[in-house]
mmCIF file of all heavy atoms, coordinates in Angstrom:
data_MODEL
# 
_entry.id   MODEL 
# 
loop_
_atom_site.group_PDB 
_atom_site.id 
_atom_site.type_symbol 
_atom_site.label_atom_id 
_atom_site.label_alt_id 
_atom_site.label_comp_id 
_atom_site.label_asym_id 
_atom_site.label_entity_id 
_atom_site.label_seq_id 
_atom_site.pdbx_PDB_ins_code 
_atom_site.Cartn_x 
_atom_site.Cartn_y 
_atom_site.Cartn_z 
_atom_site.occupancy 
_atom_site.B_iso_or_equiv 
_atom_site.pdbx_formal_charge 
_atom_site.auth_seq_id 
_atom_site.auth_comp_id 
_atom_site.auth_asym_id 
_atom_site.auth_atom_id 
_atom_site.pdbx_PDB_model_num 
ATOM 1   N N   . ASP A 1 1  ? 0.871  -1.155  0.007  1.00 0.00 ? 1  ASP A N   1 
ATOM 2   C CA  . ASP A 1 1  ? -0.004 -0.003  0.006  1.00 0.00 ? 1  ASP A CA  1 
ATOM 3   C C   . ASP A 1 1  ? 0.907  1.224   -0.002 1.00 0.00 ? 1  ASP A C   1 
ATOM 4   O O   . ASP A 1 1  ? 1.456  1.594   1.045  1.00 0.00 ? 1  ASP A O   1 
ATOM 5   C CB  . ASP A 1 1  ? -0.911 -0.020  1.229  1.00 0.00 ? 1  ASP A CB  1 
ATOM 6   C CG  . ASP A 1 1  ? -1.940 1.113   1.229  1.00 0.00 ? 1  ASP A CG  1 
ATOM 7   O OD1 . ASP A 1 1  ? -1.696 2.120   0.555  1.00 0.00 ? 1  ASP A OD1 1 
ATOM 8   O OD2 . ASP A 1 1  ? -2.964 0.959   1.910  1.00 0.00 ? 1  ASP A OD2 1 
ATOM 9   N N   . ASN A 1 2  ? 1.089  1.816   -1.157 1.00 0.00 ? 2  ASN A N   1 
ATOM 10  C CA  . ASN A 1 2  ? 2.036  2.930   -1.273 1.00 0.00 ? 2  ASN A CA  1 
ATOM 11  C C   . ASN A 1 2  ? 1.541  4.156   -0.494 1.00 0.00 ? 2  ASN A C   1 
ATOM 12  O O   . ASN A 1 2  ? 2.354  4.985   -0.048 1.00 0.00 ? 2  ASN A O   1 
ATOM 13  C CB  . ASN A 1 2  ? 2.254  3.284   -2.734 1.00 0.00 ? 2  ASN A CB  1 
ATOM 14  C CG  . ASN A 1 2  ? 3.076  2.237   -3.461 1.00 0.00 ? 2  ASN A CG  1 
ATOM 15  O OD1 . ASN A 1 2  ? 3.783  1.442   -2.826 1.00 0.00 ? 2  ASN A OD1 1 
ATOM 16  N ND2 . ASN A 1 2  ? 2.967  2.238   -4.777 1.00 0.00 ? 2  ASN A ND2 1 
ATOM 17  N N   . ALA A 1 3  ? 0.244  4.298   -0.326 1.00 0.00 ? 3  ALA A N   1 
ATOM 18  C CA  . ALA A 1 3  ? -0.303 5.427   0.441  1.00 0.00 ? 3  ALA A CA  1 
ATOM 19  C C   . ALA A 1 3  ? 0.058  5.315   1.914  1.00 0.00 ? 3  ALA A C   1 
ATOM 20  O O   . ALA A 1 3  ? 0.165  6.324   2.614  1.00 0.00 ? 3  ALA A O   1 
ATOM 21  C CB  . ALA A 1 3  ? -1.807 5.490   0.275  1.00 0.00 ? 3  ALA A CB  1 
ATOM 22  N N   . LYS A 1 4  ? 0.253  4.082   2.397  1.00 0.00 ? 4  LYS A N   1 
ATOM 23  C CA  . LYS A 1 4  ? 0.590  3.857   3.807  1.00 0.00 ? 4  LYS A CA  1 
ATOM 24  C C   . LYS A 1 4  ? 2.045  3.480   4.002  1.00 0.00 ? 4  LYS A C   1 
ATOM 25  O O   . LYS A 1 4  ? 2.474  3.178   5.115  1.00 0.00 ? 4  LYS A O   1 
ATOM 26  C CB  . LYS A 1 4  ? -0.304 2.762   4.393  1.00 0.00 ? 4  LYS A CB  1 
ATOM 27  C CG  . LYS A 1 4  ? -1.764 3.129   4.446  1.00 0.00 ? 4  LYS A CG  1 
ATOM 28  C CD  . LYS A 1 4  ? -2.579 2.016   5.081  1.00 0.00 ? 4  LYS A CD  1 
ATOM 29  C CE  . LYS A 1 4  ? -4.060 2.407   5.173  1.00 0.00 ? 4  LYS A CE  1 
ATOM 30  N NZ  . LYS A 1 4  ? -4.888 1.313   5.781  1.00 0.00 ? 4  LYS A NZ  1 
ATOM 31  N N   . ASN A 1 5  ? 2.819  3.457   2.905  1.00 0.00 ? 5  ASN A N   1 
ATOM 32  C CA  . ASN A 1 5  ? 4.249  3.068   2.995  1.00 0.00 ? 5  ASN A CA  1 
ATOM 33  C C   . ASN A 1 5  ? 4.409  1.715   3.698  1.00 0.00 ? 5  ASN A C   1 
ATOM 34  O O   . ASN A 1 5  ? 5.313  1.542   4.517  1.00 0.00 ? 5  ASN A O   1 
ATOM 35  C CB  . ASN A 1 5  ? 5.070  4.145   3.712  1.00 0.00 ? 5  ASN A CB  1 
ATOM 36  C CG  . ASN A 1 5  ? 5.265  5.394   2.889  1.00 0.00 ? 5  ASN A CG  1 
ATOM 37  O OD1 . ASN A 1 5  ? 4.799  5.479   1.755  1.00 0.00 ? 5  ASN A OD1 1 
ATOM 38  N ND2 . ASN A 1 5  ? 5.926  6.381   3.459  1.00 0.00 ? 5  ASN A ND2 1 
ATOM 39  N N   . THR A 1 6  ? 3.550  0.779   3.354  1.00 0.00 ? 6  THR A N   1 
ATOM 40  C CA  . THR A 1 6  ? 3.530  -0.493  4.056  1.00 0.00 ? 6  THR A CA  1 
ATOM 41  C C   . THR A 1 6  ? 3.452  -1.656  3.057  1.00 0.00 ? 6  THR A C   1 
ATOM 42  O O   . THR A 1 6  ? 2.735  -1.572  2.067  1.00 0.00 ? 6  THR A O   1 
ATOM 43  C CB  . THR A 1 6  ? 2.337  -0.554  5.023  1.00 0.00 ? 6  THR A CB  1 
ATOM 44  O OG1 . THR A 1 6  ? 2.446  0.516   5.979  1.00 0.00 ? 6  THR A OG1 1 
ATOM 45  C CG2 . THR A 1 6  ? 2.286  -1.872  5.771  1.00 0.00 ? 6  THR A CG2 1 
ATOM 46  N N   . VAL A 1 7  ? 4.202  -2.695  3.399  1.00 0.00 ? 7  VAL A N   1 
ATOM 47  C CA  . VAL A 1 7  ? 4.129  -3.944  2.652  1.00 0.00 ? 7  VAL A CA  1 
ATOM 48  C C   . VAL A 1 7  ? 3.611  -5.025  3.597  1.00 0.00 ? 7  VAL A C   1 
ATOM 49  O O   . VAL A 1 7  ? 3.915  -5.017  4.787  1.00 0.00 ? 7  VAL A O   1 
ATOM 50  C CB  . VAL A 1 7  ? 5.486  -4.330  2.038  1.00 0.00 ? 7  VAL A CB  1 
ATOM 51  C CG1 . VAL A 1 7  ? 6.560  -4.532  3.099  1.00 0.00 ? 7  VAL A CG1 1 
ATOM 52  C CG2 . VAL A 1 7  ? 5.369  -5.534  1.139  1.00 0.00 ? 7  VAL A CG2 1 
ATOM 53  N N   . TYR A 1 8  ? 2.826  -5.928  3.045  1.00 0.00 ? 8  TYR A N   1 
ATOM 54  C CA  . TYR A 1 8  ? 2.189  -6.977  3.843  1.00 0.00 ? 8  TYR A CA  1 
ATOM 55  C C   . TYR A 1 8  ? 2.603  -8.363  3.344  1.00 0.00 ? 8  TYR A C   1 
ATOM 56  O O   . TYR A 1 8  ? 2.951  -8.530  2.165  1.00 0.00 ? 8  TYR A O   1 
ATOM 57  C CB  . TYR A 1 8  ? 0.680  -6.863  3.772  1.00 0.00 ? 8  TYR A CB  1 
ATOM 58  C CG  . TYR A 1 8  ? 0.114  -5.505  4.169  1.00 0.00 ? 8  TYR A CG  1 
ATOM 59  C CD1 . TYR A 1 8  ? -0.172 -4.539  3.209  1.00 0.00 ? 8  TYR A CD1 1 
ATOM 60  C CD2 . TYR A 1 8  ? -0.077 -5.212  5.525  1.00 0.00 ? 8  TYR A CD2 1 
ATOM 61  C CE1 . TYR A 1 8  ? -0.660 -3.303  3.587  1.00 0.00 ? 8  TYR A CE1 1 
ATOM 62  C CE2 . TYR A 1 8  ? -0.571 -3.966  5.887  1.00 0.00 ? 8  TYR A CE2 1 
ATOM 63  C CZ  . TYR A 1 8  ? -0.872 -3.024  4.919  1.00 0.00 ? 8  TYR A CZ  1 
ATOM 64  O OH  . TYR A 1 8  ? -1.366 -1.783  5.285  1.00 0.00 ? 8  TYR A OH  1 
ATOM 65  N N   . LEU A 1 9  ? 2.529  -9.330  4.228  1.00 0.00 ? 9  LEU A N   1 
ATOM 66  C CA  . LEU A 1 9  ? 2.656  -10.718 3.859  1.00 0.00 ? 9  LEU A CA  1 
ATOM 67  C C   . LEU A 1 9  ? 1.548  -11.483 4.542  1.00 0.00 ? 9  LEU A C   1 
ATOM 68  O O   . LEU A 1 9  ? 1.586  -11.673 5.759  1.00 0.00 ? 9  LEU A O   1 
ATOM 69  C CB  . LEU A 1 9  ? 4.033  -11.291 4.249  1.00 0.00 ? 9  LEU A CB  1 
ATOM 70  C CG  . LEU A 1 9  ? 4.291  -12.710 3.776  1.00 0.00 ? 9  LEU A CG  1 
ATOM 71  C CD1 . LEU A 1 9  ? 4.415  -12.742 2.248  1.00 0.00 ? 9  LEU A CD1 1 
ATOM 72  C CD2 . LEU A 1 9  ? 5.558  -13.281 4.421  1.00 0.00 ? 9  LEU A CD2 1 
ATOM 73  N N   . GLN A 1 10 ? 0.580  -11.909 3.761  1.00 0.00 ? 10 GLN A N   1 
ATOM 74  C CA  . GLN A 1 10 ? -0.502 -12.735 4.273  1.00 0.00 ? 10 GLN A CA  1 
ATOM 75  C C   . GLN A 1 10 ? -0.055 -14.184 4.183  1.00 0.00 ? 10 GLN A C   1 
ATOM 76  O O   . GLN A 1 10 ? 0.288  -14.658 3.079  1.00 0.00 ? 10 GLN A O   1 
ATOM 77  C CB  . GLN A 1 10 ? -1.791 -12.522 3.472  1.00 0.00 ? 10 GLN A CB  1 
ATOM 78  C CG  . GLN A 1 10 ? -2.946 -13.392 3.900  1.00 0.00 ? 10 GLN A CG  1 
ATOM 79  C CD  . GLN A 1 10 ? -3.453 -13.060 5.291  1.00 0.00 ? 10 GLN A CD  1 
ATOM 80  O OE1 . GLN A 1 10 ? -3.622 -11.899 5.632  1.00 0.00 ? 10 GLN A OE1 1 
ATOM 81  N NE2 . GLN A 1 10 ? -3.694 -14.089 6.095  1.00 0.00 ? 10 GLN A NE2 1 
ATOM 82  N N   . MET A 1 11 ? -0.036 -14.852 5.317  1.00 0.00 ? 11 MET A N   1 
ATOM 83  C CA  . MET A 1 11 ? 0.442  -16.235 5.374  1.00 0.00 ? 11 MET A CA  1 
ATOM 84  C C   . MET A 1 11 ? -0.698 -17.142 5.819  1.00 0.00 ? 11 MET A C   1 
ATOM 85  O O   . MET A 1 11 ? -1.208 -16.996 6.942  1.00 0.00 ? 11 MET A O   1 
ATOM 86  C CB  . MET A 1 11 ? 1.613  -16.342 6.332  1.00 0.00 ? 11 MET A CB  1 
ATOM 87  C CG  . MET A 1 11 ? 2.754  -15.389 6.012  1.00 0.00 ? 11 MET A CG  1 
ATOM 88  S SD  . MET A 1 11 ? 4.205  -15.633 7.063  1.00 0.00 ? 11 MET A SD  1 
ATOM 89  C CE  . MET A 1 11 ? 3.548  -15.170 8.653  1.00 0.00 ? 11 MET A CE  1 
ATOM 90  N N   . ASN A 1 12 ? -1.097 -18.040 4.951  1.00 0.00 ? 12 ASN A N   1 
ATOM 91  C CA  . ASN A 1 12 ? -2.159 -18.995 5.233  1.00 0.00 ? 12 ASN A CA  1 
ATOM 92  C C   . ASN A 1 12 ? -1.612 -20.416 5.235  1.00 0.00 ? 12 ASN A C   1 
ATOM 93  O O   . ASN A 1 12 ? -0.528 -20.665 4.728  1.00 0.00 ? 12 ASN A O   1 
ATOM 94  C CB  . ASN A 1 12 ? -3.276 -18.855 4.202  1.00 0.00 ? 12 ASN A CB  1 
ATOM 95  C CG  . ASN A 1 12 ? -3.927 -17.491 4.177  1.00 0.00 ? 12 ASN A CG  1 
ATOM 96  O OD1 . ASN A 1 12 ? -4.027 -16.830 5.216  1.00 0.00 ? 12 ASN A OD1 1 
ATOM 97  N ND2 . ASN A 1 12 ? -4.367 -17.070 3.021  1.00 0.00 ? 12 ASN A ND2 1 
ATOM 98  N N   . SER A 1 13 ? -2.395 -21.319 5.779  1.00 0.00 ? 13 SER A N   1 
ATOM 99  C CA  . SER A 1 13 ? -2.015 -22.746 5.813  1.00 0.00 ? 13 SER A CA  1 
ATOM 100 C C   . SER A 1 13 ? -0.591 -22.906 6.328  1.00 0.00 ? 13 SER A C   1 
ATOM 101 O O   . SER A 1 13 ? 0.220  -23.622 5.732  1.00 0.00 ? 13 SER A O   1 
ATOM 102 C CB  . SER A 1 13 ? -2.161 -23.358 4.421  1.00 0.00 ? 13 SER A CB  1 
ATOM 103 O OG  . SER A 1 13 ? -3.473 -23.215 3.940  1.00 0.00 ? 13 SER A OG  1 
ATOM 104 N N   . LEU A 1 14 ? -0.294 -22.265 7.402  1.00 0.00 ? 14 LEU A N   1 
ATOM 105 C CA  . LEU A 1 14 ? 1.073  -22.280 7.937  1.00 0.00 ? 14 LEU A CA  1 
ATOM 106 C C   . LEU A 1 14 ? 1.489  -23.676 8.377  1.00 0.00 ? 14 LEU A C   1 
ATOM 107 O O   . LEU A 1 14 ? 0.691  -24.449 8.888  1.00 0.00 ? 14 LEU A O   1 
ATOM 108 C CB  . LEU A 1 14 ? 1.196  -21.277 9.086  1.00 0.00 ? 14 LEU A CB  1 
ATOM 109 C CG  . LEU A 1 14 ? 1.315  -19.822 8.605  1.00 0.00 ? 14 LEU A CG  1 
ATOM 110 C CD1 . LEU A 1 14 ? 0.977  -18.857 9.738  1.00 0.00 ? 14 LEU A CD1 1 
ATOM 111 C CD2 . LEU A 1 14 ? 2.719  -19.553 8.101  1.00 0.00 ? 14 LEU A CD2 1 
ATOM 112 N N   . LYS A 1 15 ? 2.784  -23.937 8.180  1.00 0.00 ? 15 LYS A N   1 
ATOM 113 C CA  . LYS A 1 15 ? 3.364  -25.232 8.515  1.00 0.00 ? 15 LYS A CA  1 
ATOM 114 C C   . LYS A 1 15 ? 4.487  -25.020 9.534  1.00 0.00 ? 15 LYS A C   1 
ATOM 115 O O   . LYS A 1 15 ? 5.075  -23.939 9.575  1.00 0.00 ? 15 LYS A O   1 
ATOM 116 C CB  . LYS A 1 15 ? 3.949  -25.883 7.245  1.00 0.00 ? 15 LYS A CB  1 
ATOM 117 C CG  . LYS A 1 15 ? 2.966  -26.061 6.116  1.00 0.00 ? 15 LYS A CG  1 
ATOM 118 C CD  . LYS A 1 15 ? 3.664  -26.594 4.886  1.00 0.00 ? 15 LYS A CD  1 
ATOM 119 C CE  . LYS A 1 15 ? 2.692  -26.766 3.704  1.00 0.00 ? 15 LYS A CE  1 
ATOM 120 N NZ  . LYS A 1 15 ? 3.371  -27.301 2.519  1.00 0.00 ? 15 LYS A NZ  1 
ATOM 121 N N   . PRO A 1 16 ? 4.815  -26.040 10.292 1.00 0.00 ? 16 PRO A N   1 
ATOM 122 C CA  . PRO A 1 16 ? 5.932  -25.903 11.234 1.00 0.00 ? 16 PRO A CA  1 
ATOM 123 C C   . PRO A 1 16 ? 7.241  -25.442 10.545 1.00 0.00 ? 16 PRO A C   1 
ATOM 124 O O   . PRO A 1 16 ? 8.013  -24.706 11.153 1.00 0.00 ? 16 PRO A O   1 
ATOM 125 C CB  . PRO A 1 16 ? 6.064  -27.321 11.820 1.00 0.00 ? 16 PRO A CB  1 
ATOM 126 C CG  . PRO A 1 16 ? 4.690  -27.860 11.746 1.00 0.00 ? 16 PRO A CG  1 
ATOM 127 C CD  . PRO A 1 16 ? 4.126  -27.325 10.459 1.00 0.00 ? 16 PRO A CD  1 
ATOM 128 N N   . GLU A 1 17 ? 7.443  -25.857 9.326  1.00 0.00 ? 17 GLU A N   1 
ATOM 129 C CA  . GLU A 1 17 ? 8.669  -25.454 8.618  1.00 0.00 ? 17 GLU A CA  1 
ATOM 130 C C   . GLU A 1 17 ? 8.675  -23.981 8.202  1.00 0.00 ? 17 GLU A C   1 
ATOM 131 O O   . GLU A 1 17 ? 9.675  -23.485 7.696  1.00 0.00 ? 17 GLU A O   1 
ATOM 132 C CB  . GLU A 1 17 ? 8.923  -26.349 7.396  1.00 0.00 ? 17 GLU A CB  1 
ATOM 133 C CG  . GLU A 1 17 ? 7.737  -26.476 6.450  1.00 0.00 ? 17 GLU A CG  1 
ATOM 134 C CD  . GLU A 1 17 ? 6.920  -27.746 6.721  1.00 0.00 ? 17 GLU A CD  1 
ATOM 135 O OE1 . GLU A 1 17 ? 6.682  -28.082 7.914  1.00 0.00 ? 17 GLU A OE1 1 
ATOM 136 O OE2 . GLU A 1 17 ? 6.531  -28.394 5.734  1.00 0.00 ? 17 GLU A OE2 1 
ATOM 137 N N   . ASP A 1 18 ? 7.571  -23.280 8.411  1.00 0.00 ? 18 ASP A N   1 
ATOM 138 C CA  . ASP A 1 18 ? 7.541  -21.838 8.180  1.00 0.00 ? 18 ASP A CA  1 
ATOM 139 C C   . ASP A 1 18 ? 8.103  -21.066 9.395  1.00 0.00 ? 18 ASP A C   1 
ATOM 140 O O   . ASP A 1 18 ? 8.255  -19.847 9.314  1.00 0.00 ? 18 ASP A O   1 
ATOM 141 C CB  . ASP A 1 18 ? 6.119  -21.364 7.899  1.00 0.00 ? 18 ASP A CB  1 
ATOM 142 C CG  . ASP A 1 18 ? 5.566  -21.923 6.605  1.00 0.00 ? 18 ASP A CG  1 
ATOM 143 O OD1 . ASP A 1 18 ? 6.297  -21.974 5.611  1.00 0.00 ? 18 ASP A OD1 1 
ATOM 144 O OD2 . ASP A 1 18 ? 4.366  -22.327 6.605  1.00 0.00 ? 18 ASP A OD2 1 
ATOM 145 N N   . THR A 1 19 ? 8.376  -21.764 10.464 1.00 0.00 ? 19 THR A N   1 
ATOM 146 C CA  . THR A 1 19 ? 8.912  -21.116 11.647 1.00 0.00 ? 19 THR A CA  1 
ATOM 147 C C   . THR A 1 19 ? 10.261 -20.481 11.345 1.00 0.00 ? 19 THR A C   1 
ATOM 148 O O   . THR A 1 19 ? 11.178 -21.127 10.841 1.00 0.00 ? 19 THR A O   1 
ATOM 149 C CB  . THR A 1 19 ? 9.086  -22.140 12.791 1.00 0.00 ? 19 THR A CB  1 
ATOM 150 O OG1 . THR A 1 19 ? 7.781  -22.619 13.155 1.00 0.00 ? 19 THR A OG1 1 
ATOM 151 C CG2 . THR A 1 19 ? 9.766  -21.519 13.985 1.00 0.00 ? 19 THR A CG2 1 
ATOM 152 N N   . ALA A 1 20 ? 10.370 -19.189 11.628 1.00 0.00 ? 20 ALA A N   1 
ATOM 153 C CA  . ALA A 1 20 ? 11.580 -18.451 11.329 1.00 0.00 ? 20 ALA A CA  1 
ATOM 154 C C   . ALA A 1 20 ? 11.409 -17.018 11.813 1.00 0.00 ? 20 ALA A C   1 
ATOM 155 O O   . ALA A 1 20 ? 10.315 -16.599 12.204 1.00 0.00 ? 20 ALA A O   1 
ATOM 156 C CB  . ALA A 1 20 ? 11.860 -18.447 9.832  1.00 0.00 ? 20 ALA A CB  1 
ATOM 157 N N   . VAL A 1 21 ? 12.506 -16.284 11.765 1.00 0.00 ? 21 VAL A N   1 
ATOM 158 C CA  . VAL A 1 21 ? 12.421 -14.826 11.901 1.00 0.00 ? 21 VAL A CA  1 
ATOM 159 C C   . VAL A 1 21 ? 12.221 -14.259 10.491 1.00 0.00 ? 21 VAL A C   1 
ATOM 160 O O   . VAL A 1 21 ? 12.962 -14.611 9.567  1.00 0.00 ? 21 VAL A O   1 
ATOM 161 C CB  . VAL A 1 21 ? 13.676 -14.233 12.529 1.00 0.00 ? 21 VAL A CB  1 
ATOM 162 C CG1 . VAL A 1 21 ? 13.582 -12.706 12.605 1.00 0.00 ? 21 VAL A CG1 1 
ATOM 163 C CG2 . VAL A 1 21 ? 13.905 -14.822 13.923 1.00 0.00 ? 21 VAL A CG2 1 
ATOM 164 N N   . TYR A 1 22 ? 11.203 -13.435 10.344 1.00 0.00 ? 22 TYR A N   1 
ATOM 165 C CA  . TYR A 1 22 ? 10.852 -12.852 9.055  1.00 0.00 ? 22 TYR A CA  1 
ATOM 166 C C   . TYR A 1 22 ? 11.336 -11.411 8.999  1.00 0.00 ? 22 TYR A C   1 
ATOM 167 O O   . TYR A 1 22 ? 11.047 -10.610 9.909  1.00 0.00 ? 22 TYR A O   1 
ATOM 168 C CB  . TYR A 1 22 ? 9.358  -12.937 8.814  1.00 0.00 ? 22 TYR A CB  1 
ATOM 169 C CG  . TYR A 1 22 ? 8.900  -14.315 8.421  1.00 0.00 ? 22 TYR A CG  1 
ATOM 170 C CD1 . TYR A 1 22 ? 8.912  -15.355 9.357  1.00 0.00 ? 22 TYR A CD1 1 
ATOM 171 C CD2 . TYR A 1 22 ? 8.479  -14.613 7.138  1.00 0.00 ? 22 TYR A CD2 1 
ATOM 172 C CE1 . TYR A 1 22 ? 8.528  -16.636 9.021  1.00 0.00 ? 22 TYR A CE1 1 
ATOM 173 C CE2 . TYR A 1 22 ? 8.092  -15.900 6.780  1.00 0.00 ? 22 TYR A CE2 1 
ATOM 174 C CZ  . TYR A 1 22 ? 8.125  -16.888 7.720  1.00 0.00 ? 22 TYR A CZ  1 
ATOM 175 O OH  . TYR A 1 22 ? 7.726  -18.165 7.367  1.00 0.00 ? 22 TYR A OH  1 
ATOM 176 N N   . TYR A 1 23 ? 12.046 -11.086 7.929  1.00 0.00 ? 23 TYR A N   1 
ATOM 177 C CA  . TYR A 1 23 ? 12.621 -9.763  7.762  1.00 0.00 ? 23 TYR A CA  1 
ATOM 178 C C   . TYR A 1 23 ? 12.051 -9.061  6.555  1.00 0.00 ? 23 TYR A C   1 
ATOM 179 O O   . TYR A 1 23 ? 11.871 -9.670  5.484  1.00 0.00 ? 23 TYR A O   1 
ATOM 180 C CB  . TYR A 1 23 ? 14.145 -9.880  7.574  1.00 0.00 ? 23 TYR A CB  1 
ATOM 181 C CG  . TYR A 1 23 ? 14.896 -10.470 8.729  1.00 0.00 ? 23 TYR A CG  1 
ATOM 182 C CD1 . TYR A 1 23 ? 15.138 -11.823 8.823  1.00 0.00 ? 23 TYR A CD1 1 
ATOM 183 C CD2 . TYR A 1 23 ? 15.390 -9.626  9.731  1.00 0.00 ? 23 TYR A CD2 1 
ATOM 184 C CE1 . TYR A 1 23 ? 15.832 -12.364 9.901  1.00 0.00 ? 23 TYR A CE1 1 
ATOM 185 C CE2 . TYR A 1 23 ? 16.090 -10.166 10.805 1.00 0.00 ? 23 TYR A CE2 1 
ATOM 186 C CZ  . TYR A 1 23 ? 16.310 -11.511 10.875 1.00 0.00 ? 23 TYR A CZ  1 
ATOM 187 O OH  . TYR A 1 23 ? 16.998 -12.048 11.938 1.00 0.00 ? 23 TYR A OH  1 
ATOM 188 N N   . CYS A 1 24 ? 11.821 -7.798  6.703  1.00 0.00 ? 24 CYS A N   1 
ATOM 189 C CA  . CYS A 1 24 ? 11.389 -6.933  5.597  1.00 0.00 ? 24 CYS A CA  1 
ATOM 190 C C   . CYS A 1 24 ? 12.637 -6.330  4.932  1.00 0.00 ? 24 CYS A C   1 
ATOM 191 O O   . CYS A 1 24 ? 13.609 -5.988  5.612  1.00 0.00 ? 24 CYS A O   1 
ATOM 192 C CB  . CYS A 1 24 ? 10.519 -5.816  6.185  1.00 0.00 ? 24 CYS A CB  1 
ATOM 193 S SG  . CYS A 1 24 ? 9.916  -4.616  5.019  1.00 0.00 ? 24 CYS A SG  1 
ATOM 194 N N   . ASN A 1 25 ? 12.590 -6.211  3.633  1.00 0.00 ? 25 ASN A N   1 
ATOM 195 C CA  . ASN A 1 25 ? 13.697 -5.686  2.846  1.00 0.00 ? 25 ASN A CA  1 
ATOM 196 C C   . ASN A 1 25 ? 13.181 -4.668  1.832  1.00 0.00 ? 25 ASN A C   1 
ATOM 197 O O   . ASN A 1 25 ? 12.151 -4.867  1.220  1.00 0.00 ? 25 ASN A O   1 
ATOM 198 C CB  . ASN A 1 25 ? 14.386 -6.840  2.116  1.00 0.00 ? 25 ASN A CB  1 
ATOM 199 C CG  . ASN A 1 25 ? 15.441 -6.383  1.149  1.00 0.00 ? 25 ASN A CG  1 
ATOM 200 O OD1 . ASN A 1 25 ? 15.168 -6.112  -0.017 1.00 0.00 ? 25 ASN A OD1 1 
ATOM 201 N ND2 . ASN A 1 25 ? 16.669 -6.294  1.622  1.00 0.00 ? 25 ASN A ND2 1 
ATOM 202 N N   . ALA A 1 26 ? 13.904 -3.578  1.720  1.00 0.00 ? 26 ALA A N   1 
ATOM 203 C CA  . ALA A 1 26 ? 13.615 -2.557  0.714  1.00 0.00 ? 26 ALA A CA  1 
ATOM 204 C C   . ALA A 1 26 ? 14.839 -2.396  -0.167 1.00 0.00 ? 26 ALA A C   1 
ATOM 205 O O   . ALA A 1 26 ? 15.964 -2.253  0.333  1.00 0.00 ? 26 ALA A O   1 
ATOM 206 C CB  . ALA A 1 26 ? 13.274 -1.226  1.386  1.00 0.00 ? 26 ALA A CB  1 
ATOM 207 N N   . ARG A 1 27 ? 14.629 -2.427  -1.467 1.00 0.00 ? 27 ARG A N   1 
ATOM 208 C CA  . ARG A 1 27 ? 15.772 -2.413  -2.389 1.00 0.00 ? 27 ARG A CA  1 
ATOM 209 C C   . ARG A 1 27 ? 15.506 -1.497  -3.561 1.00 0.00 ? 27 ARG A C   1 
ATOM 210 O O   . ARG A 1 27 ? 14.466 -1.613  -4.242 1.00 0.00 ? 27 ARG A O   1 
ATOM 211 C CB  . ARG A 1 27 ? 16.075 -3.831  -2.846 1.00 0.00 ? 27 ARG A CB  1 
ATOM 212 C CG  . ARG A 1 27 ? 17.239 -3.945  -3.816 1.00 0.00 ? 27 ARG A CG  1 
ATOM 213 C CD  . ARG A 1 27 ? 17.608 -5.413  -3.990 1.00 0.00 ? 27 ARG A CD  1 
ATOM 214 N NE  . ARG A 1 27 ? 16.421 -6.229  -4.257 1.00 0.00 ? 27 ARG A NE  1 
ATOM 215 C CZ  . ARG A 1 27 ? 15.886 -6.390  -5.455 1.00 0.00 ? 27 ARG A CZ  1 
ATOM 216 N NH1 . ARG A 1 27 ? 16.409 -5.770  -6.490 1.00 0.00 ? 27 ARG A NH1 1 
ATOM 217 N NH2 . ARG A 1 27 ? 14.833 -7.160  -5.636 1.00 0.00 ? 27 ARG A NH2 1 
ATOM 218 N N   . ASN A 1 28 ? 16.470 -0.604  -3.789 1.00 0.00 ? 28 ASN A N   1 
ATOM 219 C CA  . ASN A 1 28 ? 16.502 0.192   -5.014 1.00 0.00 ? 28 ASN A CA  1 
ATOM 220 C C   . ASN A 1 28 ? 17.971 0.293   -5.347 1.00 0.00 ? 28 ASN A C   1 
ATOM 221 O O   . ASN A 1 28 ? 18.621 -0.738  -5.559 1.00 0.00 ? 28 ASN A O   1 
ATOM 222 C CB  . ASN A 1 28 ? 15.818 1.531   -4.795 1.00 0.00 ? 28 ASN A CB  1 
ATOM 223 C CG  . ASN A 1 28 ? 15.546 2.284   -6.093 1.00 0.00 ? 28 ASN A CG  1 
ATOM 224 O OD1 . ASN A 1 28 ? 16.268 2.089   -7.060 1.00 0.00 ? 28 ASN A OD1 1 
ATOM 225 N ND2 . ASN A 1 28 ? 14.518 3.078   -6.142 1.00 0.00 ? 28 ASN A ND2 1 
ATOM 226 N N   . PHE A 1 29 ? 18.536 1.466   -5.388 1.00 0.00 ? 29 PHE A N   1 
ATOM 227 C CA  . PHE A 1 29 ? 20.010 1.550   -5.506 1.00 0.00 ? 29 PHE A CA  1 
ATOM 228 C C   . PHE A 1 29 ? 20.638 1.371   -4.145 1.00 0.00 ? 29 PHE A C   1 
ATOM 229 O O   . PHE A 1 29 ? 21.836 1.167   -4.030 1.00 0.00 ? 29 PHE A O   1 
ATOM 230 C CB  . PHE A 1 29 ? 20.420 2.865   -6.158 1.00 0.00 ? 29 PHE A CB  1 
ATOM 231 C CG  . PHE A 1 29 ? 19.945 4.082   -5.452 1.00 0.00 ? 29 PHE A CG  1 
ATOM 232 C CD1 . PHE A 1 29 ? 20.739 4.688   -4.479 1.00 0.00 ? 29 PHE A CD1 1 
ATOM 233 C CD2 . PHE A 1 29 ? 18.709 4.629   -5.729 1.00 0.00 ? 29 PHE A CD2 1 
ATOM 234 C CE1 . PHE A 1 29 ? 20.313 5.816   -3.813 1.00 0.00 ? 29 PHE A CE1 1 
ATOM 235 C CE2 . PHE A 1 29 ? 18.267 5.768   -5.072 1.00 0.00 ? 29 PHE A CE2 1 
ATOM 236 C CZ  . PHE A 1 29 ? 19.059 6.353   -4.102 1.00 0.00 ? 29 PHE A CZ  1 
# 
């Protein structure tokens, strides 16, 4: 949502192997 300067990750049907620390990344130059 560029108006809110926010990125989302909707995660469904989660599995034990999805367990982790999740990091947000922004990349341009």
